Amino acid sequence: MEQIRFSWHADDEAPRSIVDLQLRGGDDQTHLVLAQQQLPADADINALSARWEGALGRIAELA
């Protein structure tokens, strides 16, 4: 397993969150587990999920 962790915030005024990517290889594929932690209480989880799914879909198209 390989892991990448980084902090992320939408702009200078936005609270920081932690993004954790875990990558596991096997059967000629790479499996990705993505978690975003320390989100503010009012975070729009559905919108965040849609953005991540869109970004990961664009990455998959390049593979």
Protein backbone atom coordinates (compact mmCIF):
# COMPACT_ATOMS: atom_id res chain seq x y z
CA MET A 1 0.00 0.00 0.00
CA GLU A 2 1.13 3.52 -0.80
CA GLN A 3 -0.35 6.54 0.91
CA ILE A 4 -0.54 10.22 0.04
CA ARG A 5 -1.85 12.75 2.60
CA PHE A 6 -2.22 16.47 2.07
CA SER A 7 -4.11 19.43 3.43
CA TRP A 8 -6.59 21.20 1.19
CA HIS A 9 -8.70 24.33 1.36
CA ALA A 10 -10.77 26.06 -1.32
CA ASP A 11 -9.31 29.51 -0.65
CA ASP A 12 -7.29 31.42 1.95
CA GLU A 13 -10.36 31.95 4.15
CA ALA A 14 -11.65 28.36 3.98
CA PRO A 15 -10.85 25.86 6.74
CA ARG A 16 -8.26 23.23 5.92
CA SER A 17 -9.20 19.58 5.57
CA ILE A 18 -7.01 16.50 5.26
CA VAL A 19 -7.21 14.36 2.12
CA ASP A 20 -5.91 10.80 2.46
CA LEU A 21 -5.33 8.65 -0.64
CA GLN A 22 -4.47 4.97 -0.20
CA LEU A 23 -3.31 3.08 -3.29
CA ARG A 24 -3.16 -0.70 -3.52
CA GLY A 25 -2.00 -2.60 -6.57
CA GLY A 26 -3.19 -5.98 -7.71
CA ASP A 27 -4.40 -7.88 -10.77
CA ASP A 28 -3.07 -5.22 -13.18
CA GLN A 29 -5.23 -2.60 -11.43
CA THR A 30 -4.72 0.05 -8.82
CA HIS A 31 -7.38 0.38 -6.14
CA LEU A 32 -7.86 3.81 -4.57
CA VAL A 33 -9.42 4.61 -1.22
CA LEU A 34 -10.03 8.34 -0.72
CA ALA A 35 -11.03 9.99 2.55
CA GLN A 36 -11.38 13.69 3.31
CA GLN A 37 -11.29 14.47 7.03
CA GLN A 38 -11.64 17.48 9.31
CA LEU A 39 -14.41 18.95 7.20
CA PRO A 40 -16.44 21.80 8.67
CA ALA A 41 -19.82 20.87 10.15
CA ASP A 42 -21.66 22.64 7.34
CA ALA A 43 -19.72 20.95 4.52
CA ASP A 44 -21.88 19.85 1.57
CA ILE A 45 -20.89 16.18 1.52
CA ASN A 46 -22.91 15.42 -1.63
CA ALA A 47 -21.19 18.23 -3.57
CA LEU A 48 -17.75 17.12 -2.35
CA SER A 49 -18.47 13.53 -3.37
CA ALA A 50 -19.61 14.66 -6.82
CA ARG A 51 -16.45 16.73 -7.29
CA TRP A 52 -14.19 13.84 -6.26
CA GLU A 53 -16.07 11.41 -8.51
CA GLY A 54 -15.71 13.82 -11.43
CA ALA A 55 -11.99 14.32 -10.80
CA LEU A 56 -11.34 10.60 -10.43
CA GLY A 57 -13.37 9.90 -13.57
CA ARG A 58 -11.17 12.29 -15.55
CA ILE A 59 -8.06 10.56 -14.19
CA ALA A 60 -9.47 7.13 -15.12
CA GLU A 61 -10.06 8.33 -18.70
CA LEU A 62 -6.35 9.10 -18.98
CA ALA A 63 -5.27 5.66 -17.76
